[in-house]
């Protein structure tokens, strides 16, 4: 059976900008970093110092030299786990609704993220 989700469902992400995440798959497996940018439509996140790609920059003026700069490339959200600031473990994110307030919770310790 094939399920087709609407655009609003596919652009929903539980990982936000500023979260500390653990890379669980790929060449940077086991490394931690801070989320710089979340890309919900692509289901990817930019993580500081992870998945670095080299970009060649041309000189802007004659006296300048060209450079090779390393910039972070996006990582699939299925390859990262949020690290709970309270218990310090890599965990899944859940939601808890209390009195018109929806908050993210750690699935391991149950505290608010």
N, C-alpha and C. Protein backbone atom coordinates (compact mmCIF):
# COMPACT_ATOMS: atom_id res chain seq x y z
N UNK A 1 0.84 -1.17 0.00
CA UNK A 1 0.00 0.00 0.00
C UNK A 1 0.89 1.25 0.00
N UNK A 2 0.60 2.18 -0.88
CA UNK A 2 1.37 3.41 -0.99
C UNK A 2 0.58 4.52 -0.31
N UNK A 3 1.27 5.23 0.59
CA UNK A 3 0.63 6.36 1.26
C UNK A 3 1.19 7.65 0.69
N UNK A 4 0.30 8.57 0.41
CA UNK A 4 0.73 9.88 -0.08
C UNK A 4 0.37 10.90 0.98
N UNK A 5 1.40 11.60 1.50
CA UNK A 5 1.17 12.59 2.53
C UNK A 5 1.07 13.97 1.91
N UNK A 6 0.32 14.81 2.56
CA UNK A 6 0.18 16.18 2.08
C UNK A 6 1.47 16.95 2.32
N UNK A 7 1.62 18.09 1.70
CA UNK A 7 2.83 18.90 1.81
C UNK A 7 3.04 19.38 3.25
N UNK A 8 1.96 19.68 3.97
CA UNK A 8 2.09 20.18 5.33
C UNK A 8 2.68 19.12 6.27
N UNK A 9 2.35 17.85 6.05
CA UNK A 9 2.88 16.79 6.90
C UNK A 9 4.36 16.57 6.62
N UNK A 10 4.76 16.59 5.37
CA UNK A 10 6.14 16.30 5.01
C UNK A 10 7.08 17.43 5.41
N UNK A 11 6.57 18.63 5.64
CA UNK A 11 7.45 19.74 6.02
C UNK A 11 7.48 19.95 7.54
N UNK A 12 6.98 18.98 8.31
CA UNK A 12 6.97 19.06 9.77
C UNK A 12 8.24 18.43 10.32
N UNK A 13 8.94 19.15 11.22
CA UNK A 13 10.17 18.63 11.79
C UNK A 13 10.18 18.84 13.30
N UNK A 14 10.75 17.86 14.02
CA UNK A 14 10.85 17.96 15.47
C UNK A 14 12.19 18.54 15.90
N UNK A 15 13.11 18.72 14.95
CA UNK A 15 14.42 19.29 15.25
C UNK A 15 14.40 20.76 14.89
N UNK A 16 14.83 21.60 15.82
CA UNK A 16 14.78 23.06 15.63
C UNK A 16 16.18 23.66 15.60
N UNK A 17 16.25 24.88 15.15
CA UNK A 17 17.51 25.63 15.15
C UNK A 17 17.98 25.82 16.59
N UNK A 18 19.27 25.59 16.83
CA UNK A 18 19.83 25.75 18.17
C UNK A 18 19.92 24.45 18.96
N UNK A 19 19.27 23.38 18.50
CA UNK A 19 19.36 22.08 19.17
C UNK A 19 20.76 21.50 19.02
N UNK A 20 21.21 20.76 20.03
CA UNK A 20 22.44 20.01 19.92
C UNK A 20 22.07 18.61 19.46
N UNK A 21 22.72 18.14 18.39
CA UNK A 21 22.36 16.84 17.83
C UNK A 21 23.57 15.92 17.74
N UNK A 22 23.29 14.62 17.68
CA UNK A 22 24.30 13.58 17.51
C UNK A 22 24.09 12.95 16.14
N UNK A 23 25.16 12.84 15.36
CA UNK A 23 25.08 12.21 14.05
C UNK A 23 25.14 10.69 14.25
N UNK A 24 24.14 9.97 13.74
CA UNK A 24 24.06 8.53 13.98
C UNK A 24 24.43 7.71 12.75
N UNK A 25 24.63 8.36 11.60
CA UNK A 25 24.93 7.63 10.38
C UNK A 25 25.79 8.49 9.46
N UNK A 26 26.68 7.87 8.72
CA UNK A 26 27.49 8.57 7.74
C UNK A 26 28.93 8.73 8.18
N UNK A 27 29.67 9.55 7.42
CA UNK A 27 31.10 9.69 7.69
C UNK A 27 31.40 10.42 9.00
N UNK A 28 30.46 11.19 9.52
CA UNK A 28 30.64 11.93 10.77
C UNK A 28 29.94 11.25 11.94
N UNK A 29 29.68 9.94 11.84
CA UNK A 29 28.95 9.20 12.88
C UNK A 29 29.62 9.36 14.24
N UNK A 30 28.80 9.67 15.27
CA UNK A 30 29.30 9.81 16.63
C UNK A 30 29.67 11.23 17.02
N UNK A 31 29.69 12.15 16.06
CA UNK A 31 30.05 13.54 16.36
C UNK A 31 28.81 14.35 16.75
N UNK A 32 29.04 15.37 17.56
CA UNK A 32 27.95 16.24 18.02
C UNK A 32 28.13 17.63 17.42
N UNK A 33 27.01 18.34 17.27
CA UNK A 33 27.06 19.70 16.75
C UNK A 33 25.76 20.42 16.99
N UNK A 34 25.79 21.72 16.77
CA UNK A 34 24.63 22.57 16.97
C UNK A 34 23.95 22.82 15.62
N UNK A 35 22.62 22.78 15.59
CA UNK A 35 21.88 23.00 14.36
C UNK A 35 21.92 24.49 14.02
N UNK A 36 22.45 24.81 12.84
CA UNK A 36 22.53 26.20 12.40
C UNK A 36 21.27 26.63 11.66
N UNK A 37 20.69 25.69 10.91
CA UNK A 37 19.52 26.00 10.10
C UNK A 37 18.71 24.73 9.86
N UNK A 38 17.40 24.85 9.93
CA UNK A 38 16.51 23.73 9.65
C UNK A 38 15.85 23.96 8.30
N UNK A 39 15.82 22.92 7.47
CA UNK A 39 15.22 23.00 6.14
C UNK A 39 14.06 22.01 6.08
N UNK A 40 12.85 22.41 6.55
CA UNK A 40 11.73 21.47 6.68
C UNK A 40 11.23 20.88 5.36
N UNK A 41 11.22 21.65 4.29
CA UNK A 41 10.71 21.13 3.02
C UNK A 41 11.61 20.05 2.45
N UNK A 42 12.91 20.14 2.73
CA UNK A 42 13.86 19.15 2.25
C UNK A 42 14.12 18.06 3.29
N UNK A 43 13.58 18.20 4.51
CA UNK A 43 13.80 17.27 5.61
C UNK A 43 15.29 17.15 5.94
N UNK A 44 15.97 18.31 5.99
CA UNK A 44 17.41 18.34 6.27
C UNK A 44 17.73 19.42 7.28
N UNK A 45 18.91 19.30 7.91
CA UNK A 45 19.40 20.32 8.84
C UNK A 45 20.87 20.61 8.54
N UNK A 46 21.28 21.86 8.79
CA UNK A 46 22.68 22.24 8.69
C UNK A 46 23.26 22.18 10.09
N UNK A 47 24.31 21.38 10.28
CA UNK A 47 24.91 21.21 11.59
C UNK A 47 26.33 21.79 11.57
N UNK A 48 26.65 22.55 12.61
CA UNK A 48 27.94 23.22 12.70
C UNK A 48 29.09 22.22 12.74
N UNK A 49 30.03 22.33 11.78
CA UNK A 49 31.21 21.49 11.74
C UNK A 49 31.00 20.07 11.26
N UNK A 50 29.82 19.75 10.74
CA UNK A 50 29.50 18.39 10.28
C UNK A 50 29.23 18.42 8.78
N UNK A 51 29.64 17.35 8.08
CA UNK A 51 29.41 17.20 6.65
C UNK A 51 29.99 18.38 5.87
N UNK A 52 31.27 18.68 6.13
CA UNK A 52 31.91 19.82 5.50
C UNK A 52 32.27 19.51 4.05
N UNK A 53 31.95 20.46 3.18
CA UNK A 53 32.27 20.37 1.76
C UNK A 53 33.20 21.53 1.41
N UNK A 54 34.08 21.31 0.43
CA UNK A 54 35.00 22.36 0.01
C UNK A 54 34.39 23.17 -1.12
N UNK A 55 34.49 24.50 -0.98
CA UNK A 55 33.98 25.41 -2.01
C UNK A 55 35.14 26.28 -2.47
N UNK A 56 35.35 26.33 -3.77
CA UNK A 56 36.43 27.14 -4.34
C UNK A 56 35.90 28.53 -4.63
N UNK A 57 36.60 29.53 -4.11
CA UNK A 57 36.17 30.92 -4.26
C UNK A 57 37.17 31.65 -5.15
N UNK A 58 36.65 32.33 -6.16
CA UNK A 58 37.48 33.09 -7.07
C UNK A 58 37.90 34.40 -6.43
N UNK A 59 39.03 34.95 -6.82
CA UNK A 59 39.44 36.25 -6.29
C UNK A 59 38.52 37.36 -6.81
N UNK A 60 38.16 38.29 -5.94
CA UNK A 60 37.27 39.39 -6.33
C UNK A 60 38.05 40.53 -7.01
N UNK A 61 39.27 40.76 -6.54
CA UNK A 61 40.13 41.79 -7.14
C UNK A 61 41.42 41.16 -7.66
N UNK A 62 42.17 41.91 -8.43
CA UNK A 62 43.39 41.37 -9.03
C UNK A 62 44.44 40.98 -8.00
N UNK A 63 44.58 41.78 -6.95
CA UNK A 63 45.62 41.50 -5.96
C UNK A 63 45.23 40.38 -4.97
N UNK A 64 43.96 39.99 -4.96
CA UNK A 64 43.51 38.92 -4.07
C UNK A 64 43.86 37.54 -4.63
N UNK A 65 43.91 36.58 -3.74
CA UNK A 65 44.12 35.19 -4.15
C UNK A 65 42.81 34.42 -4.02
N UNK A 66 42.70 33.37 -4.81
CA UNK A 66 41.55 32.48 -4.67
C UNK A 66 41.70 31.63 -3.42
N UNK A 67 40.58 31.10 -2.92
CA UNK A 67 40.61 30.33 -1.68
C UNK A 67 39.78 29.06 -1.82
N UNK A 68 40.06 28.13 -0.93
CA UNK A 68 39.23 26.94 -0.78
C UNK A 68 38.66 27.00 0.63
N UNK A 69 37.33 27.14 0.72
CA UNK A 69 36.65 27.31 2.01
C UNK A 69 35.80 26.08 2.28
N UNK A 70 35.79 25.64 3.54
CA UNK A 70 34.93 24.51 3.93
C UNK A 70 33.62 25.05 4.51
N UNK A 71 32.50 24.60 3.93
CA UNK A 71 31.19 25.01 4.40
C UNK A 71 30.38 23.76 4.75
N UNK A 72 29.49 23.86 5.76
CA UNK A 72 28.67 22.68 6.11
C UNK A 72 27.57 22.45 5.07
N UNK A 73 27.35 21.20 4.72
CA UNK A 73 26.28 20.81 3.81
C UNK A 73 25.14 20.20 4.63
N UNK A 74 23.91 20.25 4.13
CA UNK A 74 22.78 19.71 4.89
C UNK A 74 22.87 18.20 5.12
N UNK A 75 22.30 17.75 6.26
CA UNK A 75 22.27 16.34 6.65
C UNK A 75 20.80 15.94 6.79
N UNK A 76 20.45 14.74 6.34
CA UNK A 76 19.08 14.24 6.49
C UNK A 76 18.72 14.14 7.98
N UNK A 77 17.46 14.51 8.32
CA UNK A 77 17.07 14.46 9.74
C UNK A 77 16.96 13.03 10.26
N UNK A 78 16.85 12.06 9.36
CA UNK A 78 16.81 10.66 9.81
C UNK A 78 18.19 10.21 10.29
N UNK A 79 19.23 10.98 9.99
CA UNK A 79 20.59 10.61 10.39
C UNK A 79 21.07 11.34 11.63
N UNK A 80 20.19 12.09 12.29
CA UNK A 80 20.56 12.81 13.51
C UNK A 80 19.56 12.53 14.63
N UNK A 81 20.05 12.62 15.88
CA UNK A 81 19.19 12.51 17.06
C UNK A 81 19.45 13.70 17.95
N UNK A 82 18.41 14.22 18.56
CA UNK A 82 18.54 15.36 19.47
C UNK A 82 19.16 14.89 20.78
N UNK A 83 20.06 15.69 21.33
CA UNK A 83 20.65 15.40 22.64
C UNK A 83 19.89 16.21 23.67
N UNK A 84 19.31 15.53 24.66
CA UNK A 84 18.53 16.18 25.71
C UNK A 84 19.45 17.03 26.59
N UNK A 85 19.13 18.32 26.80
CA UNK A 85 19.97 19.15 27.66
C UNK A 85 19.91 18.75 29.14
N UNK A 86 18.84 18.05 29.55
CA UNK A 86 18.69 17.67 30.96
C UNK A 86 19.47 16.39 31.30
N UNK A 87 19.22 15.31 30.52
CA UNK A 87 19.87 14.03 30.83
C UNK A 87 21.14 13.79 30.00
N UNK A 88 21.34 14.53 28.92
CA UNK A 88 22.56 14.41 28.13
C UNK A 88 22.61 13.21 27.20
N UNK A 89 21.46 12.54 26.99
CA UNK A 89 21.42 11.36 26.13
C UNK A 89 20.82 11.70 24.77
N UNK A 90 21.22 10.95 23.75
CA UNK A 90 20.62 11.09 22.42
C UNK A 90 19.23 10.45 22.49
N UNK A 91 18.21 11.19 22.07
CA UNK A 91 16.85 10.74 22.27
C UNK A 91 15.93 11.14 21.13
N UNK A 92 14.76 10.54 21.13
CA UNK A 92 13.70 10.97 20.22
C UNK A 92 12.94 12.10 20.89
N UNK A 93 12.18 12.84 20.11
CA UNK A 93 11.43 13.98 20.64
C UNK A 93 9.95 13.65 20.62
N UNK A 94 9.28 13.94 21.74
CA UNK A 94 7.84 13.78 21.82
C UNK A 94 7.20 15.12 22.14
N UNK A 95 5.88 15.15 22.17
CA UNK A 95 5.17 16.38 22.47
C UNK A 95 4.23 16.17 23.63
N UNK A 96 4.04 17.22 24.43
CA UNK A 96 3.12 17.19 25.55
C UNK A 96 2.30 18.46 25.49
N UNK A 97 0.98 18.31 25.56
CA UNK A 97 0.09 19.47 25.50
C UNK A 97 -0.49 19.71 26.88
N UNK A 98 -0.23 20.91 27.43
CA UNK A 98 -0.76 21.28 28.73
C UNK A 98 -1.30 22.70 28.68
N UNK A 99 -2.58 22.86 28.96
CA UNK A 99 -3.24 24.17 29.02
C UNK A 99 -2.85 25.09 27.86
N UNK A 100 -3.22 24.69 26.66
CA UNK A 100 -2.98 25.48 25.43
C UNK A 100 -1.51 25.70 25.13
N UNK A 101 -0.61 24.88 25.68
CA UNK A 101 0.81 25.01 25.40
C UNK A 101 1.34 23.65 24.95
N UNK A 102 1.97 23.64 23.78
CA UNK A 102 2.55 22.41 23.25
C UNK A 102 4.06 22.51 23.43
N UNK A 103 4.64 21.55 24.16
CA UNK A 103 6.07 21.59 24.43
C UNK A 103 6.72 20.28 24.01
N UNK A 104 7.99 20.37 23.63
CA UNK A 104 8.75 19.18 23.24
C UNK A 104 9.32 18.52 24.49
N UNK A 105 9.25 17.19 24.53
CA UNK A 105 9.77 16.46 25.69
C UNK A 105 10.75 15.38 25.22
N UNK A 106 11.65 15.02 26.13
CA UNK A 106 12.62 13.95 25.91
C UNK A 106 11.90 12.62 26.14
N UNK A 107 12.05 11.68 25.22
CA UNK A 107 11.40 10.38 25.36
C UNK A 107 12.07 9.49 26.40
N UNK A 108 13.33 9.81 26.78
CA UNK A 108 14.05 8.98 27.75
C UNK A 108 13.80 9.42 29.18
N UNK A 109 13.91 10.74 29.46
CA UNK A 109 13.75 11.20 30.84
C UNK A 109 12.39 11.86 31.08
N UNK A 110 11.66 12.24 30.01
CA UNK A 110 10.34 12.81 30.16
C UNK A 110 10.32 14.29 30.47
N UNK A 111 11.49 14.93 30.55
CA UNK A 111 11.55 16.37 30.85
C UNK A 111 11.45 17.19 29.58
N UNK A 112 11.10 18.46 29.74
CA UNK A 112 10.94 19.37 28.60
C UNK A 112 12.30 19.74 28.00
N UNK A 113 12.34 19.77 26.67
CA UNK A 113 13.58 20.14 25.97
C UNK A 113 13.57 21.64 25.73
